[in-house]
Amino acid sequence: MSIKSLSIRIDEEMLNKLHYVADYEARSANGQIIVLIRDCIEQFEEKHGKIEFGKAVSAENKKK
């Protein structure tokens, strides 16, 4: 698995709060974002099924 970089725009107050939460959880801001993204994907897959790449996926299957 290769590591990719992602740049986001975030307002200062939200960034400060992200750092606060990350510090509380003993993580870096990057680590906290990874946890949040992973949780979001897990919740999505629980509701909609596993996300798979490399297979033809119809628009109808994406909506399920």
N, C-alpha and C. Protein backbone atom coordinates (compact mmCIF):
# COMPACT_ATOMS: atom_id res chain seq x y z
N MET A 1 0.85 -1.18 0.00
CA MET A 1 0.00 0.00 0.00
C MET A 1 0.90 1.23 0.00
N SER A 2 0.67 2.10 -0.95
CA SER A 2 1.45 3.34 -0.99
C SER A 2 0.71 4.43 -0.20
N ILE A 3 1.46 5.34 0.31
CA ILE A 3 0.91 6.46 1.07
C ILE A 3 0.77 7.65 0.13
N LYS A 4 -0.40 8.24 0.11
CA LYS A 4 -0.68 9.40 -0.73
C LYS A 4 -0.88 10.62 0.15
N SER A 5 -0.69 11.77 -0.43
CA SER A 5 -0.87 13.03 0.27
C SER A 5 -2.18 13.68 -0.18
N LEU A 6 -2.86 14.33 0.76
CA LEU A 6 -4.11 15.01 0.47
C LEU A 6 -4.07 16.37 1.14
N SER A 7 -4.34 17.39 0.39
CA SER A 7 -4.38 18.75 0.94
C SER A 7 -5.84 19.16 1.12
N ILE A 8 -6.16 19.74 2.28
CA ILE A 8 -7.53 20.21 2.50
C ILE A 8 -7.51 21.66 2.96
N ARG A 9 -8.63 22.32 2.76
CA ARG A 9 -8.81 23.66 3.29
C ARG A 9 -9.69 23.54 4.53
N ILE A 10 -9.28 24.19 5.60
CA ILE A 10 -10.02 24.10 6.86
C ILE A 10 -9.90 25.43 7.58
N ASP A 11 -11.00 25.89 8.16
CA ASP A 11 -10.91 27.18 8.85
C ASP A 11 -10.12 27.02 10.15
N GLU A 12 -9.58 28.12 10.62
CA GLU A 12 -8.65 28.10 11.74
C GLU A 12 -9.27 27.52 13.01
N GLU A 13 -10.52 27.89 13.29
CA GLU A 13 -11.17 27.39 14.51
C GLU A 13 -11.31 25.87 14.46
N MET A 14 -11.74 25.34 13.32
CA MET A 14 -11.89 23.90 13.19
C MET A 14 -10.54 23.20 13.31
N LEU A 15 -9.51 23.78 12.71
CA LEU A 15 -8.18 23.20 12.80
C LEU A 15 -7.69 23.18 14.25
N ASN A 16 -7.91 24.27 14.97
CA ASN A 16 -7.53 24.32 16.37
C ASN A 16 -8.25 23.25 17.19
N LYS A 17 -9.54 23.06 16.91
CA LYS A 17 -10.30 22.04 17.62
C LYS A 17 -9.83 20.64 17.24
N LEU A 18 -9.48 20.43 15.98
CA LEU A 18 -8.93 19.14 15.56
C LEU A 18 -7.65 18.84 16.34
N HIS A 19 -6.76 19.82 16.45
CA HIS A 19 -5.52 19.63 17.21
C HIS A 19 -5.82 19.33 18.68
N TYR A 20 -6.81 19.98 19.23
CA TYR A 20 -7.18 19.75 20.63
C TYR A 20 -7.63 18.30 20.82
N VAL A 21 -8.52 17.83 19.96
CA VAL A 21 -9.02 16.45 20.05
C VAL A 21 -7.87 15.46 19.83
N ALA A 22 -7.05 15.72 18.83
CA ALA A 22 -5.92 14.84 18.54
C ALA A 22 -4.98 14.76 19.74
N ASP A 23 -4.66 15.90 20.36
CA ASP A 23 -3.80 15.90 21.54
C ASP A 23 -4.43 15.08 22.67
N TYR A 24 -5.72 15.24 22.87
CA TYR A 24 -6.44 14.51 23.91
C TYR A 24 -6.34 13.00 23.67
N GLU A 25 -6.42 12.59 22.40
CA GLU A 25 -6.35 11.18 22.02
C GLU A 25 -4.91 10.68 21.85
N ALA A 26 -3.93 11.54 22.13
CA ALA A 26 -2.50 11.23 22.00
C ALA A 26 -2.15 10.86 20.56
N ARG A 27 -2.69 11.62 19.63
CA ARG A 27 -2.41 11.42 18.20
C ARG A 27 -1.98 12.75 17.60
N SER A 28 -1.35 12.64 16.44
CA SER A 28 -1.10 13.84 15.64
C SER A 28 -2.42 14.20 14.96
N ALA A 29 -2.49 15.41 14.40
CA ALA A 29 -3.68 15.80 13.65
C ALA A 29 -3.87 14.85 12.47
N ASN A 30 -2.78 14.49 11.79
CA ASN A 30 -2.87 13.56 10.67
C ASN A 30 -3.43 12.21 11.13
N GLY A 31 -2.91 11.71 12.25
CA GLY A 31 -3.40 10.44 12.79
C GLY A 31 -4.87 10.49 13.14
N GLN A 32 -5.30 11.61 13.70
CA GLN A 32 -6.72 11.78 14.06
C GLN A 32 -7.59 11.78 12.81
N ILE A 33 -7.14 12.45 11.77
CA ILE A 33 -7.91 12.48 10.52
C ILE A 33 -8.01 11.08 9.93
N ILE A 34 -6.92 10.30 9.97
CA ILE A 34 -6.95 8.93 9.47
C ILE A 34 -7.98 8.10 10.23
N VAL A 35 -8.02 8.24 11.56
CA VAL A 35 -9.00 7.52 12.37
C VAL A 35 -10.42 7.91 11.96
N LEU A 36 -10.66 9.19 11.78
CA LEU A 36 -11.99 9.66 11.41
C LEU A 36 -12.40 9.15 10.03
N ILE A 37 -11.48 9.16 9.08
CA ILE A 37 -11.77 8.65 7.74
C ILE A 37 -12.05 7.16 7.80
N ARG A 38 -11.21 6.41 8.53
CA ARG A 38 -11.40 4.96 8.66
C ARG A 38 -12.77 4.65 9.27
N ASP A 39 -13.16 5.39 10.32
CA ASP A 39 -14.47 5.18 10.94
C ASP A 39 -15.60 5.47 9.97
N CYS A 40 -15.45 6.53 9.19
CA CYS A 40 -16.47 6.90 8.20
C CYS A 40 -16.63 5.79 7.16
N ILE A 41 -15.53 5.27 6.67
CA ILE A 41 -15.58 4.19 5.66
C ILE A 41 -16.22 2.94 6.25
N GLU A 42 -15.85 2.58 7.48
CA GLU A 42 -16.43 1.40 8.12
C GLU A 42 -17.94 1.54 8.26
N GLN A 43 -18.40 2.71 8.69
CA GLN A 43 -19.85 2.95 8.83
C GLN A 43 -20.55 2.87 7.47
N PHE A 44 -19.94 3.44 6.45
CA PHE A 44 -20.51 3.39 5.11
C PHE A 44 -20.65 1.94 4.64
N GLU A 45 -19.56 1.16 4.83
CA GLU A 45 -19.57 -0.22 4.37
C GLU A 45 -20.55 -1.09 5.16
N GLU A 46 -20.75 -0.80 6.44
CA GLU A 46 -21.75 -1.53 7.22
C GLU A 46 -23.15 -1.30 6.64
N LYS A 47 -23.40 -0.10 6.20
CA LYS A 47 -24.72 0.25 5.66
C LYS A 47 -24.89 -0.17 4.21
N HIS A 48 -23.84 -0.02 3.39
CA HIS A 48 -23.96 -0.18 1.94
C HIS A 48 -23.20 -1.36 1.36
N GLY A 49 -22.43 -2.05 2.17
CA GLY A 49 -21.62 -3.16 1.67
C GLY A 49 -20.20 -2.71 1.38
N LYS A 50 -19.33 -3.71 1.29
CA LYS A 50 -17.91 -3.45 1.09
C LYS A 50 -17.65 -2.70 -0.21
N ILE A 51 -16.79 -1.71 -0.15
CA ILE A 51 -16.38 -0.96 -1.32
C ILE A 51 -15.29 -1.77 -2.01
N GLU A 52 -15.50 -2.09 -3.27
CA GLU A 52 -14.52 -2.87 -4.02
C GLU A 52 -14.15 -2.12 -5.29
N PHE A 53 -12.88 -2.22 -5.65
CA PHE A 53 -12.38 -1.58 -6.85
C PHE A 53 -11.96 -2.66 -7.83
N GLY A 54 -11.95 -2.30 -9.10
CA GLY A 54 -11.52 -3.24 -10.12
C GLY A 54 -12.66 -4.05 -10.70
N LYS A 55 -13.86 -3.87 -10.19
CA LYS A 55 -15.03 -4.55 -10.73
C LYS A 55 -15.96 -3.50 -11.33
N ALA A 56 -16.68 -3.90 -12.35
CA ALA A 56 -17.68 -3.00 -12.92
C ALA A 56 -18.79 -2.83 -11.91
N VAL A 57 -19.04 -1.60 -11.51
CA VAL A 57 -20.08 -1.31 -10.55
C VAL A 57 -21.08 -0.37 -11.18
N SER A 58 -22.32 -0.83 -11.27
CA SER A 58 -23.34 0.01 -11.91
C SER A 58 -23.76 1.12 -10.95
N ALA A 59 -24.33 2.17 -11.50
CA ALA A 59 -24.81 3.28 -10.69
C ALA A 59 -25.88 2.80 -9.71
N GLU A 60 -26.67 1.83 -10.12
CA GLU A 60 -27.72 1.29 -9.25
C GLU A 60 -27.11 0.62 -8.02
N ASN A 61 -26.03 -0.15 -8.21
CA ASN A 61 -25.38 -0.82 -7.08
C ASN A 61 -24.72 0.18 -6.15
N LYS A 62 -24.26 1.30 -6.67
CA LYS A 62 -23.63 2.32 -5.83
C LYS A 62 -24.63 2.92 -4.86
N LYS A 63 -25.91 2.98 -5.25
CA LYS A 63 -26.94 3.61 -4.42
C LYS A 63 -27.42 2.72 -3.28
N LYS A 64 -27.17 1.42 -3.35
CA LYS A 64 -27.69 0.48 -2.34
C LYS A 64 -27.01 0.66 -1.02
